[in-house]
Protein backbone atom coordinates (compact mmCIF):
# COMPACT_ATOMS: atom_id res chain seq x y z
CA MET A 1 83.80 90.78 120.73
CA ALA A 2 82.81 94.37 119.57
CA ASN A 3 79.24 95.09 118.92
CA ALA A 4 79.13 94.78 115.16
CA TRP A 5 75.52 96.60 114.96
CA ALA A 6 76.64 99.21 117.33
CA LEU A 7 80.20 100.22 116.38
CA SER A 8 77.94 99.90 112.65
CA ALA A 9 75.90 102.78 114.48
CA LEU A 10 78.71 104.67 115.77
CA TRP A 11 80.74 104.75 112.17
CA VAL A 12 77.78 105.82 110.18
CA GLY A 13 76.97 108.47 112.91
CA LEU A 14 80.45 110.26 112.82
CA ALA A 15 79.72 110.29 109.06
CA LEU A 16 76.35 111.90 109.34
CA VAL A 17 78.04 114.63 111.08
CA ALA A 18 80.55 115.31 109.12
CA THR A 19 78.28 115.86 106.58
CA LEU A 20 76.03 118.21 108.55
CA LEU A 21 79.10 120.14 109.49
CA ALA A 22 80.29 120.25 106.04
CA ILE A 23 77.07 121.71 104.91
CA TRP A 24 77.34 124.10 108.03
CA PHE A 25 80.81 125.65 107.35
CA LYS A 26 80.55 125.00 103.56
CA VAL A 27 83.54 122.95 103.32
CA ALA A 28 84.00 119.67 101.72
CA THR A 29 82.67 116.75 102.80
CA ALA A 30 86.06 114.88 102.62
CA LEU A 31 87.65 117.18 104.40
CA SER A 32 85.27 117.02 107.76
CA GLU A 33 85.22 113.40 107.15
CA ILE A 34 88.82 113.65 107.94
CA ILE A 35 88.65 115.95 110.72
CA VAL A 36 85.59 113.91 112.64
CA GLY A 37 87.34 110.76 112.43
CA THR A 38 90.47 111.86 113.79
CA VAL A 39 89.24 113.91 116.77
CA ALA A 40 86.80 111.16 117.14
CA GLN A 41 89.73 108.38 117.35
CA LEU A 42 91.42 110.78 119.80
CA ILE A 43 88.50 111.31 121.89
CA ILE A 44 87.06 107.81 122.05
CA GLY A 45 90.88 106.45 122.56
CA ALA A 46 91.33 108.62 125.35
CA PHE A 47 88.21 106.63 126.99
CA MET A 48 88.55 103.47 125.36
CA GLY A 49 91.88 102.78 125.37
CA SER A 50 94.05 102.13 122.11
CA GLY A 51 91.36 100.50 120.67
CA GLY A 52 89.32 103.68 119.91
CA LEU A 53 87.04 103.09 117.25
CA LEU A 54 88.24 99.59 116.57
CA ALA A 55 89.37 100.94 112.75
CA SER A 56 91.64 97.19 112.48
CA THR A 57 88.23 95.38 112.96
CA GLN A 58 88.41 92.89 110.23
CA TRP A 59 85.08 93.79 108.58
CA ILE A 60 85.91 97.55 108.35
CA THR A 61 89.06 96.99 107.20
CA PHE A 62 87.26 95.13 104.46
CA LEU A 63 84.78 97.58 103.72
CA ALA A 64 87.22 100.58 103.78
CA GLY A 65 89.42 98.94 101.30
CA ALA A 66 86.67 97.69 99.18
CA GLY A 67 84.78 101.61 99.16
CA ALA A 68 88.05 102.92 97.90
CA ILE A 69 88.55 100.22 94.91
CA VAL A 70 85.19 101.51 93.96
CA LEU A 71 86.02 105.46 94.41
CA THR A 72 89.12 104.58 92.51
CA PHE A 73 87.30 102.68 89.72
CA LEU A 74 84.78 105.58 88.86
CA ALA A 75 87.80 107.91 89.08
CA GLY A 76 88.92 105.98 86.63
CA ALA A 77 85.86 105.33 84.48
CA GLU A 78 85.76 109.40 84.36
CA LEU A 79 89.50 109.45 82.52
CA GLU A 80 87.98 109.58 78.94
CA PRO A 81 90.80 109.13 76.51
CA THR A 82 89.62 112.06 74.79
CA ILE A 83 90.13 114.18 77.46
CA PHE A 84 93.73 113.21 78.02
CA LYS A 85 94.47 113.69 74.51
CA THR A 86 93.55 117.11 74.25
CA LYS A 87 94.93 117.92 77.60
CA TRP A 88 98.06 115.86 77.62
CA LYS A 89 100.63 118.39 78.63
CA GLU A 90 98.41 119.80 81.52
CA ALA A 91 98.07 116.27 82.97
CA VAL A 92 101.30 115.29 82.53
CA LEU A 93 103.25 118.86 83.89
CA VAL A 94 100.80 119.39 86.89
CA GLY A 95 100.96 115.44 87.51
CA LEU A 96 104.83 115.32 87.64
CA ALA A 97 105.22 118.42 89.47
CA GLY A 98 103.56 117.20 92.34
CA PHE A 99 105.36 114.21 92.38
CA ILE A 100 108.60 115.10 91.39
CA GLY A 101 108.30 118.47 93.83
CA PRO A 102 107.39 116.77 96.92
CA PHE A 103 109.54 113.45 96.71
CA LEU A 104 112.93 115.19 96.25
CA GLY A 105 112.34 117.82 98.96
CA CYS A 106 110.93 115.21 101.60
CA THR A 107 113.68 113.54 100.80
CA LEU A 108 116.34 116.23 101.31
CA VAL A 109 114.92 117.09 104.23
CA GLY A 110 114.41 114.14 105.66
CA HIS A 111 118.22 112.66 105.27
CA TYR A 112 119.98 116.15 105.88
CA ILE A 113 117.78 117.89 108.17
CA LEU A 114 116.44 115.44 110.17
CA GLY A 115 119.10 112.84 109.98
CA TRP A 116 116.91 109.84 108.84
CA SER A 117 119.01 106.82 107.03
CA MET A 118 118.64 107.42 103.32
CA ARG A 119 115.84 104.54 103.20
CA SER A 120 113.81 106.22 105.62
CA SER A 121 113.93 109.51 103.70
CA TRP A 122 113.19 107.97 100.40
CA LEU A 123 110.35 106.48 102.00
CA CYS A 124 109.16 109.27 103.64
CA GLY A 125 108.97 110.95 100.14
CA VAL A 126 107.39 108.76 98.00
CA ALA A 127 104.66 108.42 101.01
CA LEU A 128 104.28 112.71 100.59
CA SER A 129 104.32 112.83 97.59
CA THR A 130 101.04 110.70 96.13
CA THR A 131 97.44 112.06 96.29
CA SER A 132 94.69 110.55 96.97
CA VAL A 133 92.35 109.84 93.80
CA ALA A 134 89.40 108.87 95.84
CA VAL A 135 89.56 111.95 97.99
CA VAL A 136 89.95 114.27 95.04
CA TYR A 137 86.81 112.52 92.96
CA ALA A 138 84.51 112.56 95.60
CA VAL A 139 85.31 116.21 96.05
CA MET A 140 84.76 116.41 92.30
CA LEU A 141 81.56 114.69 92.27
CA GLU A 142 80.55 116.68 95.05
CA LEU A 143 81.61 120.46 93.38
CA GLY A 144 79.91 119.16 90.08
CA LEU A 145 83.52 119.30 88.70
CA ASN A 146 83.80 115.60 87.35
CA VAL A 147 81.75 116.11 84.14
CA THR A 148 83.90 119.23 83.17
CA GLU A 149 86.96 119.56 81.35
CA PHE A 150 88.73 121.08 84.09
CA GLY A 151 87.81 118.56 86.57
CA LYS A 152 88.80 115.45 83.91
CA ALA A 153 91.92 116.82 83.39
CA ILE A 154 93.14 117.70 87.32
CA LEU A 155 91.95 113.92 87.41
CA ALA A 156 94.17 112.85 84.93
CA ALA A 157 97.23 114.50 86.45
CA CYS A 158 95.97 112.76 89.72
CA PHE A 159 96.49 109.36 87.44
CA VAL A 160 100.17 110.72 86.84
CA ASN A 161 100.97 111.60 89.97
CA ASP A 162 99.99 108.09 91.44
CA LEU A 163 101.53 106.47 88.36
CA GLY A 164 105.29 107.70 89.45
CA THR A 165 104.79 107.41 93.13
CA VAL A 166 103.99 103.83 92.98
CA LEU A 167 106.26 103.20 90.10
CA ALA A 168 109.19 104.95 92.53
CA LEU A 169 107.53 103.19 95.91
CA GLY A 170 108.09 99.99 93.47
CA LEU A 171 111.43 100.43 91.85
CA ILE A 172 112.81 101.65 95.80
CA PHE A 173 111.20 98.92 98.26
CA SER A 174 109.79 96.00 96.18
CA PRO A 175 111.80 92.76 96.31
CA PHE A 176 111.75 91.81 92.35
CA SER A 177 110.92 88.24 92.35
CA ILE A 178 108.90 85.58 90.11
CA LYS A 179 106.11 86.96 91.69
CA THR A 180 107.08 90.33 89.89
CA VAL A 181 107.23 88.91 86.79
CA ILE A 182 103.96 87.11 86.75
CA PHE A 183 102.40 90.28 88.00
CA VAL A 184 103.44 92.14 85.00
CA CYS A 185 102.67 89.75 82.59
CA VAL A 186 99.29 88.63 83.65
CA CYS A 187 98.34 92.54 83.78
CA THR A 188 99.82 92.95 80.28
CA GLY A 189 97.78 90.10 78.85
CA LEU A 190 94.33 90.78 80.81
CA PHE A 191 94.74 95.22 79.66
CA ALA A 192 95.10 93.89 75.91
CA VAL A 193 91.98 91.58 76.36
CA LEU A 194 89.69 92.79 78.35
CA PRO A 195 88.41 95.63 76.83
CA PHE A 196 87.30 93.43 73.71
CA LEU A 197 86.11 91.21 76.03
CA THR A 198 84.10 93.73 78.38
CA LYS A 199 82.31 95.61 75.47
CA ARG A 200 81.13 92.39 73.90
CA PHE A 201 80.05 90.71 77.20
CA PHE A 202 77.56 93.44 78.06
CA VAL A 203 76.25 93.65 74.82
CA LYS A 204 75.15 90.17 74.98
CA TYR A 205 74.09 90.16 78.45
CA GLY A 206 73.83 93.24 79.63
CA GLY A 207 70.13 94.20 79.17
CA ARG A 208 69.10 90.34 80.71
CA SER A 209 69.47 90.87 84.37
CA PRO A 210 69.38 93.83 86.52
CA SER A 211 71.74 91.42 88.85
CA LEU A 212 74.62 91.07 86.63
CA LYS A 213 76.11 94.45 86.54
CA PRO A 214 76.76 94.74 90.18
CA SER A 215 77.60 91.10 90.24
CA THR A 216 80.15 91.44 87.75
CA SER A 217 81.87 94.48 88.60
CA CYS A 218 82.10 92.96 92.71
CA PHE A 219 83.65 89.75 91.04
CA PHE A 220 86.51 91.74 89.47
CA PHE A 221 87.23 94.11 92.55
CA LEU A 222 87.17 91.14 94.82
CA GLY A 223 89.23 88.65 92.33
CA TRP A 224 91.60 91.39 91.53
CA GLU A 225 92.38 92.38 94.87
CA GLY A 226 92.11 88.90 96.09
CA TRP A 227 94.93 87.45 93.71
CA ARG A 228 97.01 90.87 94.16
CA PHE A 229 97.04 89.83 97.63
CA GLY A 230 97.74 86.68 97.35
CA LEU A 231 100.85 87.23 95.21
CA GLY A 232 101.98 89.89 97.59
CA ALA A 233 102.00 92.50 94.97
CA ARG A 234 101.33 96.06 95.11
CA PRO A 235 98.63 97.72 93.50
CA PHE A 236 100.10 99.67 90.94
CA CYS A 237 98.22 98.98 88.32
CA ARG A 238 94.44 99.30 89.74
CA ARG A 239 94.08 102.87 88.54
CA THR A 240 95.59 102.04 85.01
CA TRP A 241 92.98 98.90 85.07
CA SER A 242 90.06 101.51 86.39
CA ALA A 243 90.88 103.66 82.79
CA ARG A 244 90.78 101.12 80.18
CA PHE A 245 88.38 98.39 81.87
CA TRP A 246 85.63 100.72 82.52
CA ARG A 247 85.63 102.26 79.65
CA GLU A 248 82.45 101.74 78.30
CA PRO A 249 79.62 103.39 79.11
CA LEU A 250 77.49 100.14 80.26
CA ALA A 251 80.76 99.44 82.31
CA ARG A 252 80.48 102.79 84.03
CA THR A 253 76.86 102.12 84.51
CA THR A 254 77.79 98.62 86.25
CA CYS A 255 80.50 100.59 88.49
CA SER A 256 77.98 103.04 89.51
CA SER A 257 75.37 100.13 90.62
CA ALA A 258 77.92 98.45 92.69
CA ALA A 259 79.06 101.77 94.43
CA CYS A 260 75.17 102.67 95.30
CA GLY A 261 74.66 98.41 96.34
CA ARG A 262 72.08 98.31 93.74
């Protein structure tokens, strides 16, 4: 079994190196982290074998998934309905262009130029048409664009892009069953009820205990992912959930507290 403390120090050390490189070369931290992680995996993998940074370790997988969920929910909290109403044309046009162009282009290249099967070509198109809301939000946060109307319009376009990608992935590859029906019905009910329940819950109990907010956030994060994993469903509702469920200011504070470990 790998030394968890040494492995943690290695990963955090690489994150520190990536941050310093981003400062020195004046580039986005997310970009330097990707580059440092790739190079470190290649170098360490060459000396230690295929294990490399041991990214498949269960606790690392859990932390990576939890971090991605928190960033996605935070990005959804930034998507204010008023901004989307005023910038919906820009968001929809940019989001659909960012989805349709790579989706059709990569699918056609894969099938007619590379000679892949139609199913493999569809998968290539879906995979390369998506955008990472977590990375976009991290860059926006670093540059201070997340509080501007332009930044929020770009985030809205990312959500439109991801919605198209996930719908295409689900319609083309997901085996529809009774679990799918249950998932859609429960999601619809939760989307309708939770905005009203959470507002009243935080108004009544929000200021009584500092541990209530992070505990509630973690409960919903982990419970949602655990339930989704149990059904074997794709998380196509996560971004919509984040945009609606965490709309209240108290809920946004909850999410920020959980992300900072407070």
